[in-house]
Amino acid sequence: MYNSILLFFNLGGGEIFIIMVVILLFFGSKRIPDLARGLGKGMREFKDAMSGVQRDIEDSIKPGDKKPFDEKK
């Protein structure tokens, strides 16, 4: 099963060139920069969200911090 997935990503230069030509024909040269810009913004937002979640988790497990549900007596 994993071999078939790995074979799918084993692309050479010719295959990548053909894929790029098909993308160029499908979307056109004027729309490709907009698609790349949108993809970059989406990746940046995803990365920021992941770092925010990681920061929240790290902040919640710091030693010495009070637990949020501790009641003062």
PDB file of N, CA and C in Angstrom:
ATOM      1  N   MET A   1       0.832  -1.190   0.000  1.00  0.00           N
ATOM      2  CA  MET A   1       0.000   0.000   0.000  1.00  0.00           C
ATOM      3  C   MET A   1       0.878   1.257   0.000  1.00  0.00           C
ATOM      4  N   TYR A   2       1.890   1.285   0.885  1.00  0.00           N
ATOM      5  CA  TYR A   2       2.752   2.457   0.966  1.00  0.00           C
ATOM      6  C   TYR A   2       3.608   2.610  -0.281  1.00  0.00           C
ATOM      7  N   ASN A   3       3.954   1.482  -0.921  1.00  0.00           N
ATOM      8  CA  ASN A   3       4.751   1.560  -2.141  1.00  0.00           C
ATOM      9  C   ASN A   3       4.003   2.277  -3.244  1.00  0.00           C
ATOM     10  N   SER A   4       2.689   2.052  -3.340  1.00  0.00           N
ATOM     11  CA  SER A   4       1.915   2.727  -4.384  1.00  0.00           C
ATOM     12  C   SER A   4       1.834   4.224  -4.122  1.00  0.00           C
ATOM     13  N   ILE A   5       1.783   4.629  -2.868  1.00  0.00           N
ATOM     14  CA  ILE A   5       1.764   6.055  -2.536  1.00  0.00           C
ATOM     15  C   ILE A   5       3.116   6.676  -2.849  1.00  0.00           C
ATOM     16  N   LEU A   6       4.191   5.987  -2.509  1.00  0.00           N
ATOM     17  CA  LEU A   6       5.520   6.511  -2.777  1.00  0.00           C
ATOM     18  C   LEU A   6       5.797   6.577  -4.272  1.00  0.00           C
ATOM     19  N   LEU A   7       5.290   5.632  -5.036  1.00  0.00           N
ATOM     20  CA  LEU A   7       5.490   5.658  -6.483  1.00  0.00           C
ATOM     21  C   LEU A   7       4.754   6.830  -7.118  1.00  0.00           C
ATOM     22  N   PHE A   8       3.647   7.222  -6.528  1.00  0.00           N
ATOM     23  CA  PHE A   8       2.882   8.346  -7.056  1.00  0.00           C
ATOM     24  C   PHE A   8       3.693   9.630  -6.986  1.00  0.00           C
ATOM     25  N   PHE A   9       4.469   9.818  -5.930  1.00  0.00           N
ATOM     26  CA  PHE A   9       5.249  11.041  -5.761  1.00  0.00           C
ATOM     27  C   PHE A   9       6.633  10.958  -6.395  1.00  0.00           C
ATOM     28  N   ASN A  10       6.976   9.853  -7.014  1.00  0.00           N
ATOM     29  CA  ASN A  10       8.280   9.704  -7.644  1.00  0.00           C
ATOM     30  C   ASN A  10       8.199  10.259  -9.067  1.00  0.00           C
ATOM     31  N   LEU A  11       8.210  11.585  -9.183  1.00  0.00           N
ATOM     32  CA  LEU A  11       8.071  12.241 -10.474  1.00  0.00           C
ATOM     33  C   LEU A  11       9.425  12.710 -10.977  1.00  0.00           C
ATOM     34  N   GLY A  12       9.629  12.575 -12.266  1.00  0.00           N
ATOM     35  CA  GLY A  12      10.853  13.060 -12.878  1.00  0.00           C
ATOM     36  C   GLY A  12      10.638  14.442 -13.472  1.00  0.00           C
ATOM     37  N   GLY A  13      11.668  14.960 -14.127  1.00  0.00           N
ATOM     38  CA  GLY A  13      11.588  16.294 -14.715  1.00  0.00           C
ATOM     39  C   GLY A  13      10.564  16.386 -15.829  1.00  0.00           C
ATOM     40  N   GLY A  14      10.478  15.348 -16.656  1.00  0.00           N
ATOM     41  CA  GLY A  14       9.510  15.346 -17.759  1.00  0.00           C
ATOM     42  C   GLY A  14       8.071  15.378 -17.283  1.00  0.00           C
ATOM     43  N   GLU A  15       7.788  14.591 -16.262  1.00  0.00           N
ATOM     44  CA  GLU A  15       6.422  14.553 -15.728  1.00  0.00           C
ATOM     45  C   GLU A  15       6.041  15.889 -15.100  1.00  0.00           C
ATOM     46  N   ILE A  16       6.970  16.486 -14.389  1.00  0.00           N
ATOM     47  CA  ILE A  16       6.683  17.784 -13.771  1.00  0.00           C
ATOM     48  C   ILE A  16       6.450  18.837 -14.848  1.00  0.00           C
ATOM     49  N   PHE A  17       7.235  18.802 -15.921  1.00  0.00           N
ATOM     50  CA  PHE A  17       7.056  19.743 -17.022  1.00  0.00           C
ATOM     51  C   PHE A  17       5.678  19.586 -17.659  1.00  0.00           C
ATOM     52  N   ILE A  18       5.257  18.349 -17.879  1.00  0.00           N
ATOM     53  CA  ILE A  18       3.931  18.108 -18.469  1.00  0.00           C
ATOM     54  C   ILE A  18       2.833  18.610 -17.547  1.00  0.00           C
ATOM     55  N   ILE A  19       2.968  18.383 -16.249  1.00  0.00           N
ATOM     56  CA  ILE A  19       1.970  18.862 -15.285  1.00  0.00           C
ATOM     57  C   ILE A  19       1.908  20.384 -15.306  1.00  0.00           C
ATOM     58  N   MET A  20       3.061  21.044 -15.377  1.00  0.00           N
ATOM     59  CA  MET A  20       3.083  22.512 -15.417  1.00  0.00           C
ATOM     60  C   MET A  20       2.416  23.035 -16.693  1.00  0.00           C
ATOM     61  N   VAL A  21       2.637  22.387 -17.817  1.00  0.00           N
ATOM     62  CA  VAL A  21       2.013  22.804 -19.078  1.00  0.00           C
ATOM     63  C   VAL A  21       0.501  22.638 -18.998  1.00  0.00           C
ATOM     64  N   VAL A  22       0.048  21.543 -18.426  1.00  0.00           N
ATOM     65  CA  VAL A  22      -1.398  21.315 -18.284  1.00  0.00           C
ATOM     66  C   VAL A  22      -2.006  22.376 -17.376  1.00  0.00           C
ATOM     67  N   ILE A  23      -1.334  22.706 -16.283  1.00  0.00           N
ATOM     68  CA  ILE A  23      -1.836  23.751 -15.375  1.00  0.00           C
ATOM     69  C   ILE A  23      -1.888  25.090 -16.094  1.00  0.00           C
ATOM     70  N   LEU A  24      -0.861  25.385 -16.883  1.00  0.00           N
ATOM     71  CA  LEU A  24      -0.831  26.635 -17.640  1.00  0.00           C
ATOM     72  C   LEU A  24      -1.976  26.696 -18.648  1.00  0.00           C
ATOM     73  N   LEU A  25      -2.239  25.602 -19.331  1.00  0.00           N
ATOM     74  CA  LEU A  25      -3.340  25.573 -20.292  1.00  0.00           C
ATOM     75  C   LEU A  25      -4.694  25.654 -19.602  1.00  0.00           C
ATOM     76  N   PHE A  26      -4.810  25.018 -18.457  1.00  0.00           N
ATOM     77  CA  PHE A  26      -6.095  24.974 -17.758  1.00  0.00           C
ATOM     78  C   PHE A  26      -6.450  26.318 -17.131  1.00  0.00           C
ATOM     79  N   PHE A  27      -5.498  26.957 -16.460  1.00  0.00           N
ATOM     80  CA  PHE A  27      -5.787  28.194 -15.738  1.00  0.00           C
ATOM     81  C   PHE A  27      -5.423  29.457 -16.510  1.00  0.00           C
ATOM     82  N   GLY A  28      -4.476  29.388 -17.395  1.00  0.00           N
ATOM     83  CA  GLY A  28      -4.054  30.579 -18.120  1.00  0.00           C
ATOM     84  C   GLY A  28      -2.952  31.306 -17.385  1.00  0.00           C
ATOM     85  N   SER A  29      -2.174  32.081 -18.131  1.00  0.00           N
ATOM     86  CA  SER A  29      -0.997  32.715 -17.530  1.00  0.00           C
ATOM     87  C   SER A  29      -1.357  33.872 -16.605  1.00  0.00           C
ATOM     88  N   LYS A  30      -2.516  34.476 -16.775  1.00  0.00           N
ATOM     89  CA  LYS A  30      -2.889  35.620 -15.926  1.00  0.00           C
ATOM     90  C   LYS A  30      -3.401  35.181 -14.562  1.00  0.00           C
ATOM     91  N   ARG A  31      -3.939  33.985 -14.469  1.00  0.00           N
ATOM     92  CA  ARG A  31      -4.563  33.553 -13.227  1.00  0.00           C
ATOM     93  C   ARG A  31      -3.611  32.778 -12.316  1.00  0.00           C
ATOM     94  N   ILE A  32      -2.517  32.260 -12.849  1.00  0.00           N
ATOM     95  CA  ILE A  32      -1.597  31.451 -12.050  1.00  0.00           C
ATOM     96  C   ILE A  32      -0.975  32.244 -10.892  1.00  0.00           C
ATOM     97  N   PRO A  33      -0.527  33.495 -11.089  1.00  0.00           N
ATOM     98  CA  PRO A  33       0.016  34.238  -9.931  1.00  0.00           C
ATOM     99  C   PRO A  33      -1.015  34.445  -8.824  1.00  0.00           C
ATOM    100  N   ASP A  34      -2.282  34.670  -9.197  1.00  0.00           N
ATOM    101  CA  ASP A  34      -3.326  34.818  -8.179  1.00  0.00           C
ATOM    102  C   ASP A  34      -3.524  33.522  -7.409  1.00  0.00           C
ATOM    103  N   LEU A  35      -3.480  32.395  -8.109  1.00  0.00           N
ATOM    104  CA  LEU A  35      -3.621  31.100  -7.438  1.00  0.00           C
ATOM    105  C   LEU A  35      -2.450  30.849  -6.492  1.00  0.00           C
ATOM    106  N   ALA A  36      -1.239  31.171  -6.944  1.00  0.00           N
ATOM    107  CA  ALA A  36      -0.062  30.973  -6.098  1.00  0.00           C
ATOM    108  C   ALA A  36      -0.111  31.894  -4.878  1.00  0.00           C
ATOM    109  N   ARG A  37      -0.568  33.123  -5.067  1.00  0.00           N
ATOM    110  CA  ARG A  37      -0.677  34.064  -3.950  1.00  0.00           C
ATOM    111  C   ARG A  37      -1.708  33.557  -2.932  1.00  0.00           C
ATOM    112  N   GLY A  38      -2.833  33.083  -3.413  1.00  0.00           N
ATOM    113  CA  GLY A  38      -3.854  32.546  -2.514  1.00  0.00           C
ATOM    114  C   GLY A  38      -3.377  31.308  -1.778  1.00  0.00           C
ATOM    115  N   LEU A  39      -2.625  30.454  -2.473  1.00  0.00           N
ATOM    116  CA  LEU A  39      -2.077  29.271  -1.837  1.00  0.00           C
ATOM    117  C   LEU A  39      -1.076  29.653  -0.755  1.00  0.00           C
ATOM    118  N   GLY A  40      -0.251  30.649  -1.035  1.00  0.00           N
ATOM    119  CA  GLY A  40       0.723  31.119  -0.047  1.00  0.00           C
ATOM    120  C   GLY A  40       0.049  31.706   1.184  1.00  0.00           C
ATOM    121  N   LYS A  41      -1.006  32.490   0.977  1.00  0.00           N
ATOM    122  CA  LYS A  41      -1.731  33.064   2.119  1.00  0.00           C
ATOM    123  C   LYS A  41      -2.376  31.970   2.955  1.00  0.00           C
ATOM    124  N   GLY A  42      -2.949  30.980   2.288  1.00  0.00           N
ATOM    125  CA  GLY A  42      -3.567  29.867   3.014  1.00  0.00           C
ATOM    126  C   GLY A  42      -2.556  29.085   3.828  1.00  0.00           C
ATOM    127  N   MET A  43      -1.388  28.835   3.243  1.00  0.00           N
ATOM    128  CA  MET A  43      -0.341  28.116   3.966  1.00  0.00           C
ATOM    129  C   MET A  43       0.160  28.934   5.154  1.00  0.00           C
ATOM    130  N   ARG A  44       0.289  30.250   4.981  1.00  0.00           N
ATOM    131  CA  ARG A  44       0.744  31.107   6.073  1.00  0.00           C
ATOM    132  C   ARG A  44      -0.277  31.111   7.214  1.00  0.00           C
ATOM    133  N   GLU A  45      -1.561  31.207   6.889  1.00  0.00           N
ATOM    134  CA  GLU A  45      -2.590  31.194   7.926  1.00  0.00           C
ATOM    135  C   GLU A  45      -2.609  29.865   8.667  1.00  0.00           C
ATOM    136  N   PHE A  46      -2.433  28.769   7.928  1.00  0.00           N
ATOM    137  CA  PHE A  46      -2.405  27.452   8.559  1.00  0.00           C
ATOM    138  C   PHE A  46      -1.211  27.335   9.503  1.00  0.00           C
ATOM    139  N   LYS A  47      -0.048  27.824   9.060  1.00  0.00           N
ATOM    140  CA  LYS A  47       1.156  27.774   9.891  1.00  0.00           C
ATOM    141  C   LYS A  47       0.984  28.621  11.143  1.00  0.00           C
ATOM    142  N   ASP A  48       0.394  29.813  10.999  1.00  0.00           N
ATOM    143  CA  ASP A  48       0.154  30.675  12.156  1.00  0.00           C
ATOM    144  C   ASP A  48      -0.811  30.020  13.137  1.00  0.00           C
ATOM    145  N   ALA A  49      -1.843  29.372  12.619  1.00  0.00           N
ATOM    146  CA  ALA A  49      -2.805  28.699  13.488  1.00  0.00           C
ATOM    147  C   ALA A  49      -2.150  27.535  14.222  1.00  0.00           C
ATOM    148  N   MET A  50      -1.317  26.786  13.523  1.00  0.00           N
ATOM    149  CA  MET A  50      -0.632  25.655  14.163  1.00  0.00           C
ATOM    150  C   MET A  50       0.332  26.137  15.242  1.00  0.00           C
ATOM    151  N   SER A  51       1.052  27.230  14.982  1.00  0.00           N
ATOM    152  CA  SER A  51       1.973  27.737  16.002  1.00  0.00           C
ATOM    153  C   SER A  51       1.199  28.292  17.193  1.00  0.00           C
ATOM    154  N   GLY A  52       0.032  28.868  16.950  1.00  0.00           N
ATOM    155  CA  GLY A  52      -0.804  29.355  18.051  1.00  0.00           C
ATOM    156  C   GLY A  52      -1.297  28.220  18.932  1.00  0.00           C
ATOM    157  N   VAL A  53      -1.714  27.128  18.315  1.00  0.00           N
ATOM    158  CA  VAL A  53      -2.162  25.969  19.082  1.00  0.00           C
ATOM    159  C   VAL A  53      -0.998  25.374  19.862  1.00  0.00           C
ATOM    160  N   GLN A  54       0.163  25.272  19.225  1.00  0.00           N
ATOM    161  CA  GLN A  54       1.336  24.737  19.907  1.00  0.00           C
ATOM    162  C   GLN A  54       1.722  25.622  21.089  1.00  0.00           C
ATOM    163  N   ARG A  55       1.666  26.935  20.902  1.00  0.00           N
ATOM    164  CA  ARG A  55       1.998  27.861  21.985  1.00  0.00           C
ATOM    165  C   ARG A  55       1.010  27.714  23.143  1.00  0.00           C
ATOM    166  N   ASP A  56      -0.277  27.558  22.829  1.00  0.00           N
ATOM    167  CA  ASP A  56      -1.274  27.376  23.885  1.00  0.00           C
ATOM    168  C   ASP A  56      -1.033  26.088  24.668  1.00  0.00           C
ATOM    169  N   ILE A  57      -0.675  25.027  23.958  1.00  0.00           N
ATOM    170  CA  ILE A  57      -0.413  23.756  24.637  1.00  0.00           C
ATOM    171  C   ILE A  57       0.819  23.869  25.520  1.00  0.00           C
ATOM    172  N   GLU A  58       1.876  24.482  24.995  1.00  0.00           N
ATOM    173  CA  GLU A  58       3.093  24.638  25.794  1.00  0.00           C
ATOM    174  C   GLU A  58       2.842  25.513  27.016  1.00  0.00           C
ATOM    175  N   ASP A  59       2.038  26.556  26.874  1.00  0.00           N
ATOM    176  CA  ASP A  59       1.724  27.420  28.013  1.00  0.00           C
ATOM    177  C   ASP A  59       0.907  26.684  29.057  1.00  0.00           C
ATOM    178  N   SER A  60       0.068  25.763  28.628  1.00  0.00           N
ATOM    179  CA  SER A  60      -0.799  25.070  29.581  1.00  0.00           C
ATOM    180  C   SER A  60      -0.064  23.980  30.352  1.00  0.00           C
ATOM    181  N   ILE A  61       1.088  23.519  29.873  1.00  0.00           N
ATOM    182  CA  ILE A  61       1.790  22.443  30.572  1.00  0.00           C
ATOM    183  C   ILE A  61       3.076  22.912  31.238  1.00  0.00           C
ATOM    184  N   LYS A  62       3.287  24.210  31.365  1.00  0.00           N
ATOM    185  CA  LYS A  62       4.482  24.706  32.047  1.00  0.00           C
ATOM    186  C   LYS A  62       4.431  24.306  33.522  1.00  0.00           C
ATOM    187  N   PRO A  63       5.548  23.819  34.044  1.00  0.00           N
ATOM    188  CA  PRO A  63       5.556  23.444  35.471  1.00  0.00           C
ATOM    189  C   PRO A  63       5.499  24.687  36.355  1.00  0.00           C
ATOM    190  N   GLY A  64       4.806  24.546  37.465  1.00  0.00           N
ATOM    191  CA  GLY A  64       4.720  25.641  38.416  1.00  0.00           C
ATOM    192  C   GLY A  64       3.514  26.540  38.204  1.00  0.00           C
ATOM    193  N   ASP A  65       2.848  26.412  37.089  1.00  0.00           N
ATOM    194  CA  ASP A  65       1.664  27.222  36.853  1.00  0.00           C
ATOM    195  C   ASP A  65       0.484  26.639  37.625  1.00  0.00           C
ATOM    196  N   LYS A  66      -0.420  27.520  38.006  1.00  0.00           N
ATOM    197  CA  LYS A  66      -1.631  27.044  38.647  1.00  0.00           C
ATOM    198  C   LYS A  66      -2.528  26.400  37.612  1.00  0.00           C
ATOM    199  N   LYS A  67      -3.205  25.386  38.055  1.00  0.00           N
ATOM    200  CA  LYS A  67      -4.154  24.752  37.160  1.00  0.00           C
ATOM    201  C   LYS A  67      -5.375  25.655  37.067  1.00  0.00           C
ATOM    202  N   PRO A  68      -5.995  25.723  35.897  1.00  0.00           N
ATOM    203  CA  PRO A  68      -7.103  26.670  35.732  1.00  0.00           C
ATOM    204  C   PRO A  68      -8.325  26.355  36.579  1.00  0.00           C
ATOM    205  N   PHE A  69      -8.447  25.107  37.074  1.00  0.00           N
ATOM    206  CA  PHE A  69      -9.633  24.740  37.838  1.00  0.00           C
ATOM    207  C   PHE A  69      -9.385  24.702  39.334  1.00  0.00           C
ATOM    208  N   ASP A  70      -8.202  25.133  39.773  1.00  0.00           N
ATOM    209  CA  ASP A  70      -7.910  25.183  41.205  1.00  0.00           C
ATOM    210  C   ASP A  70      -8.729  26.318  41.833  1.00  0.00           C
ATOM    211  N   GLU A  71      -9.345  25.997  42.949  1.00  0.00           N
ATOM    212  CA  GLU A  71     -10.108  27.007  43.662  1.00  0.00           C
ATOM    213  C   GLU A  71      -9.291  27.493  44.845  1.00  0.00           C
ATOM    214  N   LYS A  72      -9.385  28.771  45.125  1.00  0.00           N
ATOM    215  CA  LYS A  72      -8.698  29.316  46.285  1.00  0.00           C
ATOM    216  C   LYS A  72      -9.513  29.007  47.519  1.00  0.00           C
ATOM    217  N   LYS A  73      -8.807  28.603  48.568  1.00  0.00           N
ATOM    218  CA  LYS A  73      -9.530  28.251  49.809  1.00  0.00           C
ATOM    219  C   LYS A  73      -9.307  29.297  50.857  1.00  0.00           C
TER     220      LYS A  73
END
